[in-house]
Amino acid sequence: MNKSMQAPTKSYVYASVAALLIGCVAYCIGLFNADMLLNEKGYYLITLLYGLFSMVSLQKTIRDKAEGIATSNIYYIISWVSSGLAIGLLTLGLINAELFLSEKGFYAMAYVLSLFAAVTVQKNVRDRQAAEPDITNSKLHKVENNKEPKVA
């Protein structure tokens, strides 16, 4: 796999990190201000953290398989199941929660934004790593071409 990879632009990287921060901070502010028991707040917080971790892990295993990096099938399956469980747990919690529909929608949208942004941030990290050898090689090539001949 000798494809030349272009690194994501700084503005795209910053936008994806901003989306991740906005989604997570909004979700946590909503939890902080929510009128629910502490154990309920803990449930929703852990659901967010579990979702973020499982989605990053899923993105990594999918990318590894696409790039021909050895990935065990069991970990690949666990990543899919884990991501589905995280989303299912939030959905189940929101269906059974005694919240206004607008509050449920707020948590769902902040959650989805956070998960999508986490996947995008992980993708940007991998894209930058994949493009780095090209950047390093092009800089090295320029340095070698601009060298003055050595005099013995």
N, C-alpha and C. Protein backbone atom coordinates (compact mmCIF):
# COMPACT_ATOMS: atom_id res chain seq x y z
N MET A 1 0.85 -1.18 0.00
CA MET A 1 0.00 0.00 0.00
C MET A 1 0.89 1.23 0.00
N ASN A 2 1.20 1.70 -1.17
CA ASN A 2 2.15 2.78 -1.31
C ASN A 2 1.48 4.05 -1.79
N LYS A 3 0.29 4.30 -1.32
CA LYS A 3 -0.45 5.49 -1.73
C LYS A 3 0.09 6.71 -1.01
N SER A 4 0.11 7.82 -1.73
CA SER A 4 0.49 9.08 -1.10
C SER A 4 -0.74 9.61 -0.36
N MET A 5 -0.54 9.98 0.88
CA MET A 5 -1.65 10.40 1.72
C MET A 5 -1.50 11.88 2.02
N GLN A 6 -2.58 12.63 1.91
CA GLN A 6 -2.56 14.03 2.27
C GLN A 6 -3.08 14.19 3.69
N ALA A 7 -2.33 14.92 4.48
CA ALA A 7 -2.75 15.17 5.87
C ALA A 7 -3.98 16.06 5.88
N PRO A 8 -4.85 15.89 6.87
CA PRO A 8 -6.02 16.78 6.97
C PRO A 8 -5.57 18.21 7.26
N THR A 9 -6.35 19.16 6.80
CA THR A 9 -5.99 20.56 7.02
C THR A 9 -6.14 20.92 8.49
N LYS A 10 -5.42 21.95 8.90
CA LYS A 10 -5.49 22.38 10.30
C LYS A 10 -6.91 22.80 10.67
N SER A 11 -7.59 23.47 9.75
CA SER A 11 -8.95 23.92 10.06
C SER A 11 -9.89 22.73 10.29
N TYR A 12 -9.71 21.65 9.52
CA TYR A 12 -10.54 20.46 9.71
C TYR A 12 -10.22 19.78 11.03
N VAL A 13 -8.94 19.72 11.37
CA VAL A 13 -8.54 19.12 12.64
C VAL A 13 -9.12 19.93 13.80
N TYR A 14 -8.99 21.26 13.73
CA TYR A 14 -9.51 22.12 14.80
C TYR A 14 -11.04 22.02 14.89
N ALA A 15 -11.71 21.95 13.74
CA ALA A 15 -13.17 21.85 13.75
C ALA A 15 -13.63 20.54 14.38
N SER A 16 -12.93 19.44 14.10
CA SER A 16 -13.32 18.16 14.68
C SER A 16 -13.04 18.12 16.18
N VAL A 17 -11.92 18.69 16.61
CA VAL A 17 -11.63 18.76 18.04
C VAL A 17 -12.65 19.66 18.74
N ALA A 18 -13.00 20.77 18.10
CA ALA A 18 -14.00 21.68 18.68
C ALA A 18 -15.35 20.97 18.79
N ALA A 19 -15.73 20.20 17.78
CA ALA A 19 -17.00 19.46 17.83
C ALA A 19 -16.98 18.45 18.97
N LEU A 20 -15.85 17.78 19.17
CA LEU A 20 -15.74 16.82 20.26
C LEU A 20 -15.88 17.52 21.61
N LEU A 21 -15.18 18.63 21.76
CA LEU A 21 -15.26 19.37 23.02
C LEU A 21 -16.65 19.94 23.26
N ILE A 22 -17.25 20.50 22.23
CA ILE A 22 -18.60 21.08 22.37
C ILE A 22 -19.60 19.99 22.74
N GLY A 23 -19.55 18.85 22.06
CA GLY A 23 -20.48 17.76 22.36
C GLY A 23 -20.31 17.24 23.78
N CYS A 24 -19.07 16.99 24.18
CA CYS A 24 -18.81 16.45 25.53
C CYS A 24 -19.13 17.46 26.63
N VAL A 25 -18.73 18.71 26.42
CA VAL A 25 -18.98 19.74 27.43
C VAL A 25 -20.48 20.01 27.56
N ALA A 26 -21.18 20.10 26.43
CA ALA A 26 -22.63 20.32 26.48
C ALA A 26 -23.33 19.17 27.20
N TYR A 27 -22.95 17.95 26.88
CA TYR A 27 -23.53 16.77 27.52
C TYR A 27 -23.29 16.83 29.04
N CYS A 28 -22.05 17.15 29.43
CA CYS A 28 -21.71 17.20 30.86
C CYS A 28 -22.39 18.37 31.58
N ILE A 29 -22.52 19.50 30.91
CA ILE A 29 -23.25 20.62 31.52
C ILE A 29 -24.71 20.24 31.71
N GLY A 30 -25.28 19.56 30.72
CA GLY A 30 -26.65 19.07 30.86
C GLY A 30 -26.79 18.14 32.04
N LEU A 31 -25.81 17.24 32.21
CA LEU A 31 -25.86 16.33 33.36
C LEU A 31 -25.72 17.08 34.67
N PHE A 32 -24.83 18.04 34.71
CA PHE A 32 -24.60 18.81 35.94
C PHE A 32 -25.87 19.54 36.36
N ASN A 33 -26.57 20.10 35.40
CA ASN A 33 -27.78 20.88 35.69
C ASN A 33 -29.05 20.04 35.77
N ALA A 34 -28.94 18.76 35.46
CA ALA A 34 -30.14 17.90 35.44
C ALA A 34 -30.67 17.65 36.84
N ASP A 35 -31.98 17.51 36.90
CA ASP A 35 -32.64 17.19 38.16
C ASP A 35 -32.85 15.69 38.21
N MET A 36 -31.75 14.98 38.46
CA MET A 36 -31.81 13.52 38.57
C MET A 36 -30.87 13.06 39.66
N LEU A 37 -31.05 11.84 40.08
CA LEU A 37 -30.21 11.28 41.13
C LEU A 37 -28.77 11.15 40.66
N LEU A 38 -27.86 11.12 41.61
CA LEU A 38 -26.44 11.02 41.29
C LEU A 38 -26.11 9.73 40.54
N ASN A 39 -26.76 8.63 40.90
CA ASN A 39 -26.50 7.38 40.19
C ASN A 39 -26.97 7.44 38.73
N GLU A 40 -28.03 8.20 38.46
CA GLU A 40 -28.49 8.39 37.08
C GLU A 40 -27.47 9.22 36.30
N LYS A 41 -26.98 10.27 36.93
CA LYS A 41 -25.95 11.10 36.28
C LYS A 41 -24.72 10.25 35.97
N GLY A 42 -24.35 9.40 36.91
CA GLY A 42 -23.21 8.50 36.70
C GLY A 42 -23.43 7.56 35.53
N TYR A 43 -24.65 7.04 35.42
CA TYR A 43 -25.00 6.15 34.31
C TYR A 43 -24.79 6.86 32.97
N TYR A 44 -25.30 8.08 32.86
CA TYR A 44 -25.18 8.81 31.60
C TYR A 44 -23.74 9.22 31.31
N LEU A 45 -22.98 9.55 32.35
CA LEU A 45 -21.57 9.91 32.16
C LEU A 45 -20.77 8.70 31.68
N ILE A 46 -20.96 7.57 32.33
CA ILE A 46 -20.24 6.36 31.93
C ILE A 46 -20.66 5.92 30.53
N THR A 47 -21.93 6.11 30.19
CA THR A 47 -22.39 5.78 28.84
C THR A 47 -21.66 6.63 27.81
N LEU A 48 -21.45 7.91 28.11
CA LEU A 48 -20.70 8.78 27.20
C LEU A 48 -19.25 8.30 27.08
N LEU A 49 -18.59 8.05 28.20
CA LEU A 49 -17.19 7.64 28.17
C LEU A 49 -17.03 6.29 27.46
N TYR A 50 -17.92 5.36 27.74
CA TYR A 50 -17.89 4.05 27.09
C TYR A 50 -18.12 4.20 25.59
N GLY A 51 -19.05 5.05 25.22
CA GLY A 51 -19.33 5.28 23.80
C GLY A 51 -18.13 5.87 23.07
N LEU A 52 -17.49 6.86 23.69
CA LEU A 52 -16.31 7.47 23.07
C LEU A 52 -15.21 6.44 22.86
N PHE A 53 -14.93 5.67 23.91
CA PHE A 53 -13.88 4.67 23.81
C PHE A 53 -14.20 3.61 22.76
N SER A 54 -15.43 3.11 22.78
CA SER A 54 -15.78 2.03 21.85
C SER A 54 -15.77 2.52 20.40
N MET A 55 -16.18 3.75 20.15
CA MET A 55 -16.19 4.26 18.79
C MET A 55 -14.77 4.49 18.26
N VAL A 56 -13.89 4.99 19.11
CA VAL A 56 -12.49 5.17 18.71
C VAL A 56 -11.86 3.80 18.42
N SER A 57 -12.15 2.83 19.27
CA SER A 57 -11.63 1.49 19.08
C SER A 57 -12.17 0.87 17.79
N LEU A 58 -13.44 1.07 17.52
CA LEU A 58 -14.04 0.56 16.29
C LEU A 58 -13.40 1.21 15.07
N GLN A 59 -13.23 2.52 15.11
CA GLN A 59 -12.62 3.21 13.97
C GLN A 59 -11.20 2.70 13.74
N LYS A 60 -10.48 2.47 14.81
CA LYS A 60 -9.11 1.99 14.69
C LYS A 60 -9.07 0.59 14.08
N THR A 61 -9.93 -0.30 14.52
CA THR A 61 -9.90 -1.66 13.97
C THR A 61 -10.33 -1.69 12.51
N ILE A 62 -11.31 -0.87 12.15
CA ILE A 62 -11.73 -0.79 10.75
C ILE A 62 -10.59 -0.25 9.89
N ARG A 63 -9.94 0.78 10.37
CA ARG A 63 -8.82 1.36 9.62
C ARG A 63 -7.66 0.38 9.52
N ASP A 64 -7.37 -0.33 10.62
CA ASP A 64 -6.30 -1.32 10.59
C ASP A 64 -6.57 -2.39 9.53
N LYS A 65 -7.80 -2.89 9.50
CA LYS A 65 -8.15 -3.90 8.50
C LYS A 65 -8.02 -3.35 7.09
N ALA A 66 -8.46 -2.11 6.89
CA ALA A 66 -8.38 -1.50 5.56
C ALA A 66 -6.94 -1.31 5.11
N GLU A 67 -6.04 -1.07 6.06
CA GLU A 67 -4.63 -0.85 5.73
C GLU A 67 -3.82 -2.14 5.76
N GLY A 68 -4.48 -3.27 6.01
CA GLY A 68 -3.78 -4.55 6.01
C GLY A 68 -3.00 -4.82 7.27
N ILE A 69 -3.28 -4.09 8.34
CA ILE A 69 -2.62 -4.33 9.62
C ILE A 69 -3.38 -5.45 10.32
N ALA A 70 -2.63 -6.39 10.86
CA ALA A 70 -3.25 -7.56 11.49
C ALA A 70 -4.15 -7.15 12.65
N THR A 71 -5.38 -7.59 12.60
CA THR A 71 -6.37 -7.33 13.64
C THR A 71 -7.13 -8.63 13.87
N SER A 72 -7.24 -9.03 15.12
CA SER A 72 -7.95 -10.28 15.39
C SER A 72 -9.45 -10.07 15.14
N ASN A 73 -10.07 -11.11 14.63
CA ASN A 73 -11.51 -11.04 14.35
C ASN A 73 -12.31 -10.84 15.63
N ILE A 74 -11.86 -11.44 16.72
CA ILE A 74 -12.61 -11.30 17.97
C ILE A 74 -12.61 -9.84 18.43
N TYR A 75 -11.47 -9.15 18.31
CA TYR A 75 -11.42 -7.74 18.71
C TYR A 75 -12.28 -6.89 17.78
N TYR A 76 -12.27 -7.22 16.51
CA TYR A 76 -13.10 -6.52 15.53
C TYR A 76 -14.58 -6.66 15.89
N ILE A 77 -14.99 -7.87 16.21
CA ILE A 77 -16.39 -8.13 16.59
C ILE A 77 -16.72 -7.44 17.91
N ILE A 78 -15.82 -7.55 18.87
CA ILE A 78 -16.04 -6.89 20.17
C ILE A 78 -16.19 -5.39 20.00
N SER A 79 -15.42 -4.80 19.11
CA SER A 79 -15.52 -3.35 18.87
C SER A 79 -16.89 -2.98 18.33
N TRP A 80 -17.40 -3.78 17.38
CA TRP A 80 -18.74 -3.52 16.84
C TRP A 80 -19.81 -3.69 17.92
N VAL A 81 -19.72 -4.79 18.66
CA VAL A 81 -20.71 -5.07 19.71
C VAL A 81 -20.66 -3.99 20.78
N SER A 82 -19.46 -3.61 21.16
CA SER A 82 -19.28 -2.59 22.20
C SER A 82 -19.88 -1.25 21.77
N SER A 83 -19.65 -0.86 20.53
CA SER A 83 -20.21 0.39 20.03
C SER A 83 -21.74 0.34 20.00
N GLY A 84 -22.28 -0.79 19.56
CA GLY A 84 -23.74 -0.96 19.55
C GLY A 84 -24.32 -0.94 20.96
N LEU A 85 -23.62 -1.58 21.89
CA LEU A 85 -24.08 -1.58 23.28
C LEU A 85 -24.08 -0.18 23.88
N ALA A 86 -23.04 0.60 23.59
CA ALA A 86 -22.96 1.96 24.13
C ALA A 86 -24.15 2.79 23.64
N ILE A 87 -24.43 2.71 22.37
CA ILE A 87 -25.56 3.46 21.80
C ILE A 87 -26.88 2.91 22.35
N GLY A 88 -26.97 1.59 22.45
CA GLY A 88 -28.17 0.96 22.99
C GLY A 88 -28.42 1.33 24.44
N LEU A 89 -27.36 1.40 25.25
CA LEU A 89 -27.51 1.77 26.66
C LEU A 89 -28.02 3.19 26.81
N LEU A 90 -27.50 4.10 25.99
CA LEU A 90 -28.01 5.48 26.07
C LEU A 90 -29.47 5.52 25.64
N THR A 91 -29.77 4.83 24.56
CA THR A 91 -31.15 4.81 24.06
C THR A 91 -32.10 4.24 25.10
N LEU A 92 -31.73 3.13 25.69
CA LEU A 92 -32.55 2.51 26.73
C LEU A 92 -32.72 3.44 27.93
N GLY A 93 -31.63 4.08 28.34
CA GLY A 93 -31.72 5.01 29.46
C GLY A 93 -32.63 6.18 29.16
N LEU A 94 -32.54 6.72 27.95
CA LEU A 94 -33.38 7.88 27.60
C LEU A 94 -34.84 7.49 27.44
N ILE A 95 -35.11 6.30 26.92
CA ILE A 95 -36.50 5.86 26.78
C ILE A 95 -37.17 5.75 28.14
N ASN A 96 -36.42 5.24 29.11
CA ASN A 96 -36.98 5.01 30.45
C ASN A 96 -36.83 6.20 31.39
N ALA A 97 -36.15 7.23 30.97
CA ALA A 97 -35.92 8.39 31.85
C ALA A 97 -37.18 9.24 31.96
N GLU A 98 -37.34 9.82 33.12
CA GLU A 98 -38.45 10.75 33.33
C GLU A 98 -37.95 12.16 33.02
N LEU A 99 -37.72 12.39 31.74
CA LEU A 99 -37.24 13.69 31.26
C LEU A 99 -38.20 14.21 30.21
N PHE A 100 -38.17 15.52 30.01
CA PHE A 100 -38.93 16.10 28.91
C PHE A 100 -38.35 15.58 27.60
N LEU A 101 -39.18 15.54 26.58
CA LEU A 101 -38.73 15.08 25.27
C LEU A 101 -37.59 15.95 24.76
N SER A 102 -37.65 17.23 25.03
CA SER A 102 -36.57 18.13 24.59
C SER A 102 -35.25 17.79 25.29
N GLU A 103 -35.31 17.38 26.55
CA GLU A 103 -34.09 16.98 27.27
C GLU A 103 -33.53 15.69 26.69
N LYS A 104 -34.41 14.77 26.39
CA LYS A 104 -33.96 13.52 25.78
C LYS A 104 -33.29 13.79 24.44
N GLY A 105 -33.89 14.66 23.67
CA GLY A 105 -33.31 15.03 22.38
C GLY A 105 -31.96 15.71 22.53
N PHE A 106 -31.84 16.57 23.55
CA PHE A 106 -30.57 17.25 23.81
C PHE A 106 -29.47 16.23 24.10
N TYR A 107 -29.75 15.28 25.01
CA TYR A 107 -28.74 14.28 25.35
C TYR A 107 -28.38 13.41 24.15
N ALA A 108 -29.39 13.03 23.38
CA ALA A 108 -29.14 12.20 22.21
C ALA A 108 -28.26 12.93 21.20
N MET A 109 -28.57 14.21 20.94
CA MET A 109 -27.80 14.96 19.95
C MET A 109 -26.38 15.25 20.42
N ALA A 110 -26.22 15.59 21.69
CA ALA A 110 -24.87 15.83 22.23
C ALA A 110 -24.06 14.54 22.19
N TYR A 111 -24.70 13.42 22.45
CA TYR A 111 -24.04 12.11 22.42
C TYR A 111 -23.59 11.77 21.01
N VAL A 112 -24.49 11.91 20.06
CA VAL A 112 -24.16 11.60 18.67
C VAL A 112 -23.04 12.52 18.17
N LEU A 113 -23.12 13.80 18.49
CA LEU A 113 -22.06 14.74 18.10
C LEU A 113 -20.73 14.31 18.68
N SER A 114 -20.72 13.93 19.94
CA SER A 114 -19.48 13.52 20.60
C SER A 114 -18.91 12.25 19.97
N LEU A 115 -19.75 11.26 19.71
CA LEU A 115 -19.26 10.02 19.11
C LEU A 115 -18.72 10.26 17.71
N PHE A 116 -19.46 11.01 16.91
CA PHE A 116 -19.01 11.28 15.55
C PHE A 116 -17.70 12.07 15.56
N ALA A 117 -17.60 13.05 16.44
CA ALA A 117 -16.38 13.85 16.52
C ALA A 117 -15.21 13.01 17.01
N ALA A 118 -15.44 12.08 17.92
CA ALA A 118 -14.36 11.21 18.40
C ALA A 118 -13.81 10.36 17.25
N VAL A 119 -14.70 9.83 16.43
CA VAL A 119 -14.27 9.05 15.27
C VAL A 119 -13.48 9.94 14.31
N THR A 120 -13.94 11.15 14.09
CA THR A 120 -13.27 12.07 13.18
C THR A 120 -11.89 12.47 13.71
N VAL A 121 -11.80 12.74 14.99
CA VAL A 121 -10.50 13.09 15.58
C VAL A 121 -9.54 11.91 15.43
N GLN A 122 -10.02 10.70 15.70
CA GLN A 122 -9.17 9.51 15.54
C GLN A 122 -8.73 9.35 14.09
N LYS A 123 -9.64 9.59 13.16
CA LYS A 123 -9.31 9.50 11.74
C LYS A 123 -8.26 10.53 11.37
N ASN A 124 -8.40 11.74 11.88
CA ASN A 124 -7.42 12.78 11.60
C ASN A 124 -6.04 12.40 12.13
N VAL A 125 -6.00 11.81 13.31
CA VAL A 125 -4.72 11.37 13.88
C VAL A 125 -4.08 10.35 12.95
N ARG A 126 -4.86 9.37 12.52
CA ARG A 126 -4.31 8.34 11.63
C ARG A 126 -3.91 8.92 10.28
N ASP A 127 -4.71 9.84 9.74
CA ASP A 127 -4.37 10.46 8.45
C ASP A 127 -3.08 11.25 8.56
N ARG A 128 -2.90 11.96 9.66
CA ARG A 128 -1.65 12.73 9.85
C ARG A 128 -0.45 11.79 9.97
N GLN A 129 -0.65 10.68 10.69
CA GLN A 129 0.45 9.71 10.81
C GLN A 129 0.78 9.08 9.47
N ALA A 130 -0.25 8.79 8.69
CA ALA A 130 -0.02 8.18 7.38
C ALA A 130 0.66 9.15 6.42
N ALA A 131 0.36 10.44 6.55
CA ALA A 131 0.95 11.45 5.67
C ALA A 131 2.33 11.87 6.14
N GLU A 132 2.65 11.63 7.39
CA GLU A 132 3.92 12.07 7.96
C GLU A 132 5.14 11.53 7.21
N PRO A 133 5.19 10.24 6.87
CA PRO A 133 6.37 9.77 6.13
C PRO A 133 6.53 10.50 4.80
N ASP A 134 5.41 10.82 4.14
CA ASP A 134 5.50 11.56 2.89
C ASP A 134 6.08 12.95 3.12
N ILE A 135 5.62 13.60 4.19
CA ILE A 135 6.13 14.92 4.52
C ILE A 135 7.61 14.84 4.86
N THR A 136 7.98 13.86 5.68
CA THR A 136 9.37 13.68 6.08
C THR A 136 10.23 13.36 4.87
N ASN A 137 9.75 12.47 4.00
CA ASN A 137 10.52 12.11 2.81
C ASN A 137 10.70 13.29 1.87
N SER A 138 9.64 14.11 1.71
CA SER A 138 9.77 15.25 0.81
C SER A 138 10.74 16.28 1.37
N LYS A 139 10.73 16.48 2.69
CA LYS A 139 11.69 17.40 3.31
C LYS A 139 13.10 16.86 3.17
N LEU A 140 13.26 15.56 3.39
CA LEU A 140 14.57 14.93 3.28
C LEU A 140 15.07 15.04 1.85
N HIS A 141 14.16 14.82 0.88
CA HIS A 141 14.52 14.91 -0.52
C HIS A 141 15.00 16.32 -0.87
N LYS A 142 14.31 17.34 -0.35
CA LYS A 142 14.71 18.73 -0.60
C LYS A 142 16.07 19.01 0.00
N VAL A 143 16.30 18.52 1.21
CA VAL A 143 17.58 18.75 1.88
C VAL A 143 18.70 18.09 1.10
N GLU A 144 18.48 16.85 0.64
CA GLU A 144 19.51 16.14 -0.10
C GLU A 144 19.81 16.82 -1.43
N ASN A 145 18.78 17.35 -2.10
CA ASN A 145 18.99 18.02 -3.39
C ASN A 145 19.65 19.37 -3.24
N ASN A 146 19.51 20.00 -2.09
CA ASN A 146 20.09 21.33 -1.88
C ASN A 146 21.46 21.28 -1.21
N LYS A 147 21.96 20.08 -0.97
CA LYS A 147 23.26 19.96 -0.32
C LYS A 147 24.36 20.40 -1.28
N GLU A 148 25.34 21.03 -0.69
CA GLU A 148 26.50 21.39 -1.49
C GLU A 148 27.41 20.18 -1.56
N PRO A 149 28.08 20.02 -2.69
CA PRO A 149 28.97 18.87 -2.80
C PRO A 149 30.08 18.95 -1.76
N LYS A 150 30.41 17.81 -1.22
CA LYS A 150 31.47 17.75 -0.24
C LYS A 150 32.82 17.76 -0.95
N VAL A 151 33.73 18.52 -0.42
CA VAL A 151 35.07 18.59 -0.97
C VAL A 151 35.97 17.72 -0.10
N ALA A 152 36.68 16.81 -0.75
CA ALA A 152 37.55 15.91 0.01
C ALA A 152 38.88 16.51 0.30
